[in-house]
Each structure stands twice: as C-alpha cells, then as structure tokens.
C-alpha cells in the first residue's frame, strides 16, 4: 500500500558528516561470487536493502546458507558458506528477483551452466525491462533460455547445461551483461572474450581476480579461462556507495549554505563520472585520504556551496555516471546556462523511463527540461518552486526529487518516497540530520 506523500522544505543549512550505505553493486557481487566459492566468507558493511536481499533470498533457494547481523537499516555483516559452482541445487520454486535487474541478469548467467531447471521472475517493473541483451549471448554460449515477448522479457526459464566460450562484442556498455557472461564463462568449455564500446564498472572483474579466476585484460578485451578449481572465498568490507553519495554532492553544491563530508566512499574510476561532471560545472568538491580497501579504491569527499555552470556530457563519459543522471539533471536545472546530456538512451529501460520521468517531474518544479530520445537538454533557471511530484517507484528519481525539494522555494510533496529503500533505507534520516546541522 502506498504511503502519504513526504513533504520536503528547504533547510536553512546543510551541514554535517554522512556515512553512506555500502555499495549496492559490490554487495550483490560479493554475495553471488562467494556463494559459488568453496567455503565460508564474511562481507562487512553489506547493504541490506531490498535489491540485495532479493539476491540473498534467491541464493538461499539455491541451497546457499547465509546469515545477516544488522547494524540498523543500512549496514550488515553477511556470513555465507559457499558451495562451489557445482554445489548449487535446483530451487523448488521460481526465483524472485523482485525489482533487481542485477539479481536477474547475474543469476541468469550463473544458472545457464547448471544442470537443472531454473525460473527467474520479478515484480511488474522488472518483468518489463529488457533481458534480450543477456539471453542472446548466453544462447550463443549454448544456454537454453526462454522468456516472454520473443524471449526478451522475464520470467526467464533456464534449462542449464554445458556451455562453450565465445567472443562477444556488446552493443552497449553494461556491467550486468558483462558480469552475467563472466559467470557463464567460468563454467564454459574454452575461453570467453568480451568487448564493450566503453568500459563499464569493473567490480566483478576485481573480485574474480582476487578469488583466483584466470581473467586478463588485453587491450579493450577481457579474456576469461574456465575454472580449473573452485573460487577462493573472499572476505571483504564493502565501501560506501558512490551512487548514494552523489545525491549529497549535488545537494551540497546547490544549497546556499552547505558543507557536507562523506567518508569511506567507493572511488572506483568506473563509477565517479558525476564527480568529474560536477567539478567541470564548478562544484567545490575536495577528495582526500585515497586508499584501497579489499581491492576497491576508497576516498573521503567534502562538498561546499557552489555556483554551477552548464556543460555537455556525452560519449564514453556517460557510462561512468549513468545511474547519476537524475541527480545531475537537478544540478543542471539550477546551473547557469545550458547543460546537454547525450548517449544515455539506456535510461529508457531502467526502473522507470528515467529520461522521460526526470524531465516531467523536474518540469513540475519549474525546471526547463527537454527530453530527447537519448538524453536531456536543460536550461538553468534561477530557482525551483516546490510542487507535488512522484518518484514513479524509482529509487534514484525519488532521491533526486528530494534534493530538488531541498533547494526549491516552498514545499515539495513527494509521492512514492518509500522507493529509497531499494538502495538507501536511511536516506530520509540523513537528510533530516544534515538539515538540522
């Protein structure tokens, strides 16, 4: 049942320190890869949000034992005993990925090579998102997969069996597709080679290497040899999610009296495109204490009130900020001049049509936004005006609209505010703490 709209008014100041939740992408992968390693592993700072819990529930249905020790809504210690890839068992029921595209796509790659039947479904939103980009290359590897609408939509039915390595050139840069094919390639006969038009996030590759997989970079290609022995369990601490930190970077830059510190944020260069874009716009952001924890770059960030100008974002740069486009659009709405965001057509098939939804919702607040087939054109305005708006069930749009409400004049009533629980359950608490700082 939907909740009443959340009412947001601009705070007098935004000041304080935030520890953002663990990275959602890394949490998914740490669970899945350790589930098919041989033996126990511990994942600190695991994100116990809805999407990651969907992954854990699917793994349990496949015979993997795990437990969570929670520290509030956003942090948990995951203890998991991997069964090795050969130890997974057929689920007695359909696997429910709920709203998580990462869960569905990565498990499709993993289960394509297992000698049993699997059915993966999800909620209405996930069942409308394209799966053909995973289904087609997996079929090329020998997988037997079927779905709805020409086999491009879930539920997916997978009769696992022997796979063969392929050379795949992906038409889009997608870490989910890449990870699915790597999970299949671990089980294939012969080498699997993958190429992308631009480099997508590389968390899967980092973990696989740390766990003993024979995975090499040769130019623009990844080359994976099949496993000769089970993966080694990997104990790690998940860094803070840069995609969660992104909303505070935008809020701090836009608010007239703001200084926000963010500690232990994942600083993987395949993820930090928004920081580069905000700096180009003139944002006062400092980076300190760069270090590596568990194979992942981490840093502390600080953002202060800034005067922003419009920029052009396009080409390979967009892959590094694809999830942050709604937040970037809010920054652009209050920047001086025009911002053009191109080559993000992928956002048409996320939890919502994020291009259209972002444009329509920001226009309700007085922004001048034109949606194009592959992006947005945004003319900066002097101020936004609070108004009723709707997250459309999209967690990233919900948080972007919350940031807009923090810097708009008057009150913003946000319907669907509960969607933040998908990736950032404590978002509203952190907003209240910063606003009282």
Protein backbone atom coordinates (compact mmCIF):
# COMPACT_ATOMS: atom_id res chain seq x y z
CA UNK A 1 0.00 0.00 0.00
CA UNK A 2 1.41 3.40 -0.96
CA UNK A 3 2.30 5.86 1.77
CA UNK A 4 1.25 9.51 2.04
CA UNK A 5 3.48 11.99 0.18
CA UNK A 6 6.60 13.06 2.03
CA UNK A 7 6.77 16.83 2.46
CA UNK A 8 10.14 18.47 1.90
CA UNK A 9 11.04 22.07 2.69
CA UNK A 10 14.44 23.71 2.13
CA UNK A 11 16.54 23.68 5.32
CA UNK A 12 18.35 26.84 6.37
CA UNK A 13 21.63 24.99 6.04
CA UNK A 14 23.02 21.58 5.14
CA UNK A 15 25.92 20.72 7.39
CA UNK A 16 27.39 17.57 8.80
CA UNK A 17 29.02 14.25 8.04
CA UNK A 18 27.38 11.29 6.32
CA UNK A 19 28.49 7.69 6.09
CA UNK A 20 26.62 6.42 3.06
CA UNK A 21 25.46 2.79 2.92
CA UNK A 22 27.54 0.01 1.42
CA UNK A 23 27.79 -0.15 -2.34
CA UNK A 24 24.80 -1.95 -3.85
CA UNK A 25 26.66 -3.28 -6.90
CA UNK A 26 29.51 -4.67 -4.80
CA UNK A 27 27.12 -6.17 -2.22
CA UNK A 28 25.30 -8.13 -4.94
CA UNK A 29 28.54 -9.45 -6.40
CA UNK A 30 30.14 -10.28 -3.06
CA UNK A 31 27.13 -12.47 -2.23
CA UNK A 32 26.89 -14.23 -5.58
CA UNK A 33 30.60 -14.88 -6.09
CA UNK A 34 31.15 -16.07 -2.53
CA UNK A 35 28.10 -18.32 -2.88
CA UNK A 36 29.88 -20.25 -5.64
CA UNK A 37 33.29 -20.22 -3.93
CA UNK A 38 34.36 -23.12 -1.75
CA UNK A 39 33.94 -22.33 1.94
CA UNK A 40 32.93 -19.57 4.37
CA UNK A 41 33.31 -15.84 3.78
CA UNK A 42 32.41 -12.66 5.66
CA UNK A 43 31.24 -9.46 3.96
CA UNK A 44 31.30 -6.42 6.22
CA UNK A 45 29.17 -3.34 5.50
CA UNK A 46 26.86 -5.38 3.27
CA UNK A 47 23.87 -3.34 2.11
CA UNK A 48 20.65 -4.97 3.46
CA UNK A 49 18.39 -3.01 1.08
CA UNK A 50 15.57 -4.58 -0.92
CA UNK A 51 17.56 -5.38 -4.07
CA UNK A 52 20.42 -7.08 -2.23
CA UNK A 53 18.03 -9.02 -0.03
CA UNK A 54 16.39 -10.35 -3.21
CA UNK A 55 19.78 -11.73 -4.25
CA UNK A 56 20.29 -13.39 -0.86
CA UNK A 57 16.84 -14.97 -0.90
CA UNK A 58 17.49 -16.42 -4.36
CA UNK A 59 20.83 -17.83 -3.20
CA UNK A 60 19.15 -19.48 -0.22
CA UNK A 61 16.64 -21.11 -2.56
CA UNK A 62 19.63 -22.49 -4.50
CA UNK A 63 20.99 -24.14 -1.35
CA UNK A 64 23.40 -21.47 -0.06
CA UNK A 65 23.49 -20.90 3.71
CA UNK A 66 23.91 -17.34 4.97
CA UNK A 67 23.11 -15.08 7.91
CA UNK A 68 22.94 -11.32 8.42
CA UNK A 69 23.86 -9.40 11.54
CA UNK A 70 22.25 -5.99 11.06
CA UNK A 71 23.51 -2.68 12.36
CA UNK A 72 20.46 -0.54 11.62
CA UNK A 73 18.73 -0.24 8.26
CA UNK A 74 21.84 0.28 6.15
CA UNK A 75 24.65 -1.89 7.44
CA UNK A 76 25.02 -5.58 7.98
CA UNK A 77 27.61 -8.30 8.34
CA UNK A 78 26.97 -11.12 5.89
CA UNK A 79 28.29 -14.55 6.78
CA UNK A 80 27.97 -17.02 3.93
CA UNK A 81 29.18 -20.53 3.19
CA UNK A 82 29.93 -21.06 -0.48
CA UNK A 83 29.02 -24.40 -2.06
CA UNK A 84 31.21 -24.11 -5.15
CA UNK A 85 29.51 -23.73 -8.51
CA UNK A 86 28.88 -27.47 -8.63
CA UNK A 87 27.13 -27.40 -5.24
CA UNK A 88 24.15 -25.26 -6.22
CA UNK A 89 20.85 -27.14 -6.23
CA UNK A 90 17.63 -26.68 -8.14
CA UNK A 91 15.17 -24.34 -6.45
CA UNK A 92 11.81 -25.85 -5.56
CA UNK A 93 10.06 -22.68 -6.77
CA UNK A 94 10.61 -19.75 -9.10
CA UNK A 95 13.40 -17.41 -8.03
CA UNK A 96 12.00 -13.94 -7.29
CA UNK A 97 14.42 -11.12 -8.16
CA UNK A 98 11.73 -8.60 -7.12
CA UNK A 99 12.87 -5.20 -8.54
CA UNK A 100 16.52 -6.11 -9.00
CA UNK A 101 17.87 -6.25 -12.55
CA UNK A 102 21.30 -7.13 -11.19
CA UNK A 103 19.88 -10.20 -9.45
CA UNK A 104 18.05 -11.43 -12.53
CA UNK A 105 20.81 -10.86 -15.06
CA UNK A 106 23.71 -12.18 -12.98
CA UNK A 107 21.82 -15.27 -11.86
CA UNK A 108 20.80 -15.95 -15.47
CA UNK A 109 24.49 -16.16 -16.37
CA UNK A 110 25.30 -18.33 -13.38
CA UNK A 111 22.39 -20.75 -13.79
CA UNK A 112 22.82 -21.15 -17.56
CA UNK A 113 25.63 -23.58 -16.83
CA UNK A 114 24.00 -25.58 -14.05
CA UNK A 115 22.39 -28.95 -14.92
CA UNK A 116 18.89 -28.18 -13.67
CA UNK A 117 15.82 -26.08 -14.40
CA UNK A 118 15.52 -22.51 -13.08
CA UNK A 119 12.79 -19.92 -13.46
CA UNK A 120 13.62 -16.30 -12.57
CA UNK A 121 10.83 -13.75 -12.23
CA UNK A 122 10.38 -10.34 -10.64
CA UNK A 123 7.91 -7.55 -9.98
CA UNK A 124 5.91 -5.81 -12.71
CA UNK A 125 8.66 -3.25 -13.32
CA UNK A 126 11.41 -5.84 -13.69
CA UNK A 127 9.27 -8.01 -15.95
CA UNK A 128 9.07 -5.06 -18.37
CA UNK A 129 12.83 -4.49 -18.57
CA UNK A 130 14.86 -5.90 -21.50
CA UNK A 131 16.57 -9.23 -20.94
CA UNK A 132 17.40 -10.00 -24.56
CA UNK A 133 20.85 -8.44 -24.20
CA UNK A 134 21.68 -11.25 -21.75
CA UNK A 135 19.58 -14.01 -23.31
CA UNK A 136 21.08 -13.76 -26.81
CA UNK A 137 24.78 -14.08 -25.92
CA UNK A 138 24.02 -16.81 -23.38
CA UNK A 139 22.23 -18.72 -26.11
CA UNK A 140 25.30 -18.26 -28.30
CA UNK A 141 27.21 -20.00 -25.49
CA UNK A 142 24.78 -22.93 -25.71
CA UNK A 143 22.31 -21.97 -22.98
CA UNK A 144 18.64 -22.96 -23.25
CA UNK A 145 16.67 -19.88 -22.17
CA UNK A 146 13.15 -18.75 -22.96
CA UNK A 147 11.02 -15.81 -21.88
CA UNK A 148 8.10 -13.65 -22.92
CA UNK A 149 7.81 -11.36 -25.94
CA UNK A 150 10.29 -13.06 -28.20
CA UNK A 151 12.28 -14.24 -25.19
CA UNK A 152 13.28 -10.65 -24.30
CA UNK A 153 11.20 -10.29 -21.11
CA UNK A 154 11.02 -12.14 -17.80
CA UNK A 155 10.08 -14.55 -16.39
CA UNK A 156 13.08 -16.40 -17.78
CA UNK A 157 13.09 -20.19 -17.92
CA UNK A 158 16.59 -21.66 -17.97
CA UNK A 159 17.43 -25.30 -18.57
CA UNK A 160 21.08 -25.26 -17.59
CA UNK A 161 23.69 -27.37 -19.28
CA UNK A 162 27.10 -27.39 -20.99
CA UNK A 163 28.35 -24.03 -22.29
CA UNK A 164 31.08 -23.01 -24.69
CA UNK A 165 33.24 -19.89 -24.60
CA UNK A 166 32.52 -17.15 -27.16
CA UNK A 167 33.92 -13.84 -28.38
CA UNK A 168 31.18 -11.30 -27.65
CA UNK A 169 31.16 -7.63 -28.66
CA UNK A 170 28.42 -5.97 -26.63
CA UNK A 171 26.47 -3.19 -28.41
CA UNK A 172 26.06 -1.39 -25.07
CA UNK A 173 28.37 -0.90 -22.12
CA UNK A 174 26.62 -2.88 -19.39
CA UNK A 175 28.25 -4.22 -16.24
CA UNK A 176 25.26 -6.51 -15.68
CA UNK A 177 25.57 -8.13 -19.10
CA UNK A 178 29.35 -8.40 -18.74
CA UNK A 179 29.04 -9.97 -15.29
CA UNK A 180 26.42 -12.46 -16.46
CA UNK A 181 28.67 -13.62 -19.30
CA UNK A 182 31.67 -13.87 -16.98
CA UNK A 183 29.67 -16.09 -14.60
CA UNK A 184 28.69 -18.26 -17.54
CA UNK A 185 32.25 -18.23 -18.87
CA UNK A 186 33.59 -19.65 -15.62
CA UNK A 187 31.65 -22.82 -16.46
CA UNK A 188 32.21 -22.88 -20.23
CA UNK A 189 34.48 -25.04 -22.33
CA UNK A 190 37.16 -22.81 -23.83
CA UNK A 191 37.97 -19.14 -23.41
CA UNK A 192 35.35 -16.37 -23.21
CA UNK A 193 36.34 -12.97 -24.65
CA UNK A 194 34.25 -9.85 -24.02
CA UNK A 195 34.44 -6.37 -25.53
CA UNK A 196 32.38 -3.26 -24.75
CA UNK A 197 32.03 0.10 -26.56
CA UNK A 198 33.15 1.80 -23.32
CA UNK A 199 34.41 0.49 -20.00
CA UNK A 200 31.60 -0.28 -17.57
CA UNK A 201 32.03 -0.74 -13.82
CA UNK A 202 34.59 -3.45 -13.05
CA UNK A 203 33.64 -4.76 -9.61
CA UNK A 204 33.08 -8.30 -10.90
CA UNK A 205 36.50 -8.43 -12.55
CA UNK A 206 38.27 -7.20 -9.42
CA UNK A 207 36.58 -9.83 -7.26
CA UNK A 208 37.11 -12.68 -9.71
CA UNK A 209 40.83 -12.00 -9.89
CA UNK A 210 41.07 -11.80 -6.10
CA UNK A 211 39.27 -15.16 -5.88
CA UNK A 212 41.65 -16.92 -8.26
CA UNK A 213 39.94 -16.71 -11.65
CA UNK A 214 42.15 -16.56 -14.75
CA UNK A 215 40.85 -13.25 -16.09
CA UNK A 216 43.05 -10.98 -18.20
CA UNK A 217 42.75 -7.60 -19.87
CA UNK A 218 44.18 -7.44 -23.38
CA UNK A 219 43.61 -4.03 -24.93
CA UNK A 220 39.88 -3.38 -24.85
CA UNK A 221 39.03 -7.06 -24.34
CA UNK A 222 38.55 -9.25 -21.28
CA UNK A 223 39.68 -12.87 -21.62
CA UNK A 224 38.41 -15.47 -19.15
CA UNK A 225 39.51 -19.08 -18.94
CA UNK A 226 37.13 -21.62 -17.37
CA UNK A 227 37.68 -22.59 -13.77
CA UNK A 228 40.12 -25.38 -13.07
CA UNK A 229 39.22 -25.35 -9.37
CA UNK A 230 36.65 -23.62 -7.20
CA UNK A 231 36.93 -19.91 -6.48
CA UNK A 232 38.61 -18.99 -3.19
CA UNK A 233 36.26 -17.29 -0.69
CA UNK A 234 36.83 -13.55 -0.38
CA UNK A 235 36.41 -11.70 2.91
CA UNK A 236 35.90 -8.01 2.28
CA UNK A 237 34.46 -4.76 3.54
CA UNK A 238 32.09 -3.10 1.09
CA UNK A 239 32.95 0.57 0.54
CA UNK A 240 30.32 3.30 0.68
CA UNK A 241 28.15 3.56 -2.42
CA UNK A 242 29.23 6.42 -4.68
CA UNK A 243 25.75 6.44 -6.23
CA UNK A 244 24.32 7.22 -2.77
CA UNK A 245 26.98 9.87 -2.10
CA UNK A 246 26.09 11.50 -5.43
CA UNK A 247 22.87 12.98 -4.05
CA UNK A 248 24.69 14.72 -1.22
CA UNK A 249 27.34 16.03 -3.62
CA UNK A 250 24.59 17.68 -5.67
CA UNK A 251 22.68 18.92 -2.61
CA UNK A 252 25.82 20.40 -1.08
CA UNK A 253 26.83 22.12 -4.29
CA UNK A 254 23.37 23.65 -4.85
CA UNK A 255 22.33 24.71 -1.35
CA UNK A 256 23.44 28.26 -0.48
CA UNK A 257 24.73 27.31 2.98
CA UNK A 258 26.18 23.82 2.85
CA UNK A 259 29.23 21.84 3.83
CA UNK A 260 28.89 18.05 3.77
CA UNK A 261 31.59 15.48 4.49
CA UNK A 262 31.32 11.93 3.15
CA UNK A 263 33.71 9.27 4.43
CA UNK A 264 34.75 5.84 3.12
CA UNK A 265 33.13 6.36 -0.29
CA UNK A 266 33.93 3.93 -3.09
CA UNK A 267 36.14 5.78 -5.55
CA UNK A 268 36.37 3.25 -8.35
CA UNK A 269 37.22 5.24 -11.52
CA UNK A 270 34.50 3.41 -13.46
CA UNK A 271 31.91 4.96 -11.10
CA UNK A 272 32.99 8.56 -10.44
CA UNK A 273 31.82 10.31 -13.59
CA UNK A 274 29.37 12.51 -11.68
CA UNK A 275 32.17 13.93 -9.55
CA UNK A 276 34.08 14.87 -12.71
CA UNK A 277 30.95 16.45 -14.21
CA UNK A 278 30.19 18.47 -11.08
CA UNK A 279 33.76 19.72 -10.89
CA UNK A 280 33.57 20.79 -14.53
CA UNK A 281 30.38 22.66 -13.62
CA UNK A 282 32.30 24.49 -10.88
CA UNK A 283 31.42 22.47 -7.78
CA UNK A 284 33.70 22.91 -4.75
CA UNK A 285 34.49 19.26 -4.03
CA UNK A 286 37.68 18.05 -2.36
CA UNK A 287 38.94 14.47 -2.31
CA UNK A 288 41.22 13.21 0.46
CA UNK A 289 42.63 10.03 2.00
CA UNK A 290 42.56 8.00 -1.20
CA UNK A 291 43.29 4.36 -0.38
CA UNK A 292 42.48 0.79 -1.40
CA UNK A 293 40.30 -1.46 0.79
CA UNK A 294 39.51 -5.00 -0.30
CA UNK A 295 40.74 -4.30 -3.81
CA UNK A 296 38.49 -1.26 -4.28
CA UNK A 297 39.60 2.41 -4.27
CA UNK A 298 38.07 4.43 -1.41
CA UNK A 299 38.24 8.15 -0.54
CA UNK A 300 36.74 10.83 1.68
CA UNK A 301 34.82 13.64 -0.02
CA UNK A 302 33.74 17.13 1.03
CA UNK A 303 31.38 19.43 -0.87
CA UNK A 304 30.57 23.09 -0.23
CA UNK A 305 28.05 25.56 -1.64
CA UNK A 306 29.00 26.39 -5.21
CA UNK A 307 27.96 28.35 -8.30
CA UNK A 308 27.48 25.93 -11.18
CA UNK A 309 27.52 26.39 -14.95
CA UNK A 310 26.12 24.22 -17.71
CA UNK A 311 28.23 21.62 -19.51
CA UNK A 312 27.94 18.93 -22.20
CA UNK A 313 28.13 15.29 -21.08
CA UNK A 314 28.33 12.65 -23.81
CA UNK A 315 30.21 9.67 -25.20
CA UNK A 316 32.24 7.31 -23.00
CA UNK A 317 31.93 9.69 -20.02
CA UNK A 318 28.24 8.84 -19.58
CA UNK A 319 28.97 5.19 -18.76
CA UNK A 320 30.68 6.38 -15.57
CA UNK A 321 27.62 8.36 -14.41
CA UNK A 322 24.68 6.52 -15.95
CA UNK A 323 22.96 5.93 -12.59
CA UNK A 324 23.50 9.53 -11.53
CA UNK A 325 21.77 11.27 -14.45
CA UNK A 326 18.66 12.23 -12.39
CA UNK A 327 20.92 13.85 -9.77
CA UNK A 328 22.97 15.58 -12.47
CA UNK A 329 19.76 16.90 -14.02
CA UNK A 330 18.85 18.58 -10.72
CA UNK A 331 22.26 20.26 -10.63
CA UNK A 332 21.83 21.37 -14.23
CA UNK A 333 18.39 22.82 -13.51
CA UNK A 334 19.97 25.42 -11.21
CA UNK A 335 23.23 25.89 -13.09
CA UNK A 336 23.95 28.96 -15.22
CA UNK A 337 23.37 28.29 -18.91
CA UNK A 338 22.61 25.10 -20.80
CA UNK A 339 23.50 21.50 -19.93
CA UNK A 340 23.27 18.80 -22.60
CA UNK A 341 23.29 15.12 -21.61
CA UNK A 342 23.58 12.73 -24.56
CA UNK A 343 24.07 8.99 -25.16
CA UNK A 344 22.02 7.85 -22.14
CA UNK A 345 19.24 6.08 -24.04
CA UNK A 346 19.85 3.10 -21.73
CA UNK A 347 17.88 5.03 -19.10
CA UNK A 348 14.69 4.48 -21.06
CA UNK A 349 14.59 0.91 -19.74
CA UNK A 350 15.51 1.28 -16.07
CA UNK A 351 13.09 1.05 -13.12
CA UNK A 352 11.20 3.80 -14.93
CA UNK A 353 11.85 5.58 -18.21
CA UNK A 354 14.32 7.75 -16.34
CA UNK A 355 14.79 10.22 -19.19
CA UNK A 356 11.08 10.96 -19.53
CA UNK A 357 10.34 10.72 -15.81
CA UNK A 358 13.20 13.03 -14.83
CA UNK A 359 12.13 15.63 -17.38
CA UNK A 360 8.44 15.51 -16.49
CA UNK A 361 8.94 15.62 -12.72
CA UNK A 362 11.52 18.42 -12.78
CA UNK A 363 9.25 20.47 -15.02
CA UNK A 364 6.63 20.31 -12.25
CA UNK A 365 9.15 22.16 -10.08
CA UNK A 366 9.74 24.86 -12.69
CA UNK A 367 12.82 23.43 -14.40
CA UNK A 368 13.28 23.93 -18.14
CA UNK A 369 13.99 20.41 -19.33
CA UNK A 370 13.56 18.91 -22.79
CA UNK A 371 13.75 15.15 -23.12
CA UNK A 372 15.37 13.73 -26.24
CA UNK A 373 15.48 10.08 -27.37
CA UNK A 374 18.97 9.64 -25.91
CA UNK A 375 19.16 12.33 -23.25
CA UNK A 376 18.18 15.70 -21.84
CA UNK A 377 18.65 19.39 -22.62
CA UNK A 378 18.37 21.53 -19.51
CA UNK A 379 18.33 25.33 -19.39
CA UNK A 380 19.29 26.59 -15.94
CA UNK A 381 16.70 28.63 -14.07
CA UNK A 382 17.18 31.00 -11.17
CA UNK A 383 15.06 28.97 -8.76
CA UNK A 384 12.85 25.92 -8.49
CA UNK A 385 9.40 26.06 -6.92
CA UNK A 386 8.12 23.34 -4.61
CA UNK A 387 5.22 21.31 -6.01
CA UNK A 388 3.67 17.84 -5.88
CA UNK A 389 5.79 15.25 -7.71
CA UNK A 390 6.08 11.47 -7.95
CA UNK A 391 9.03 9.06 -7.78
CA UNK A 392 7.16 6.56 -10.01
CA UNK A 393 8.61 3.83 -7.82
CA UNK A 394 12.18 4.65 -8.92
CA UNK A 395 14.61 4.98 -6.00
CA UNK A 396 17.09 7.21 -7.84
CA UNK A 397 14.37 9.53 -9.07
CA UNK A 398 12.95 9.71 -5.54
CA UNK A 399 16.28 10.88 -4.12
CA UNK A 400 16.90 13.31 -6.98
CA UNK A 401 13.50 14.90 -6.41
CA UNK A 402 14.23 15.08 -2.68
CA UNK A 403 17.41 17.02 -3.45
CA UNK A 404 15.41 19.32 -5.73
CA UNK A 405 12.95 19.85 -2.90
CA UNK A 406 15.78 20.78 -0.53
CA UNK A 407 16.79 23.68 -2.78
CA UNK A 408 13.36 24.72 -4.11
CA UNK A 409 11.26 27.56 -2.78
CA UNK A 410 8.31 26.39 -0.70
CA UNK A 411 7.19 22.84 -0.03
CA UNK A 412 7.58 19.79 -2.25
CA UNK A 413 5.21 16.84 -1.73
CA UNK A 414 6.90 13.66 -2.97
CA UNK A 415 4.71 10.63 -3.63
CA UNK A 416 6.44 7.26 -3.66
CA UNK A 417 9.16 8.47 -1.30
CA UNK A 418 9.42 4.95 0.17
CA UNK A 419 11.20 3.83 -3.02
CA UNK A 420 14.51 4.95 -1.48
CA UNK A 421 14.51 1.67 0.49
CA UNK A 422 15.62 -0.14 -2.68
CA UNK A 423 19.16 1.19 -2.26
CA UNK A 424 19.34 3.73 0.61
CA UNK A 425 16.96 2.95 3.50
CA UNK A 426 18.41 5.67 5.75
CA UNK A 427 18.22 8.48 3.18
CA UNK A 428 15.46 10.41 4.94
CA UNK A 429 17.18 10.18 8.30
CA UNK A 430 20.42 11.54 6.82
CA UNK A 431 18.53 14.37 5.16
CA UNK A 432 16.97 15.35 8.49
CA UNK A 433 20.34 15.22 10.27
CA UNK A 434 22.06 17.38 7.67
CA UNK A 435 19.19 19.86 7.70
CA UNK A 436 19.47 20.32 11.43
CA UNK A 437 23.25 20.68 11.38
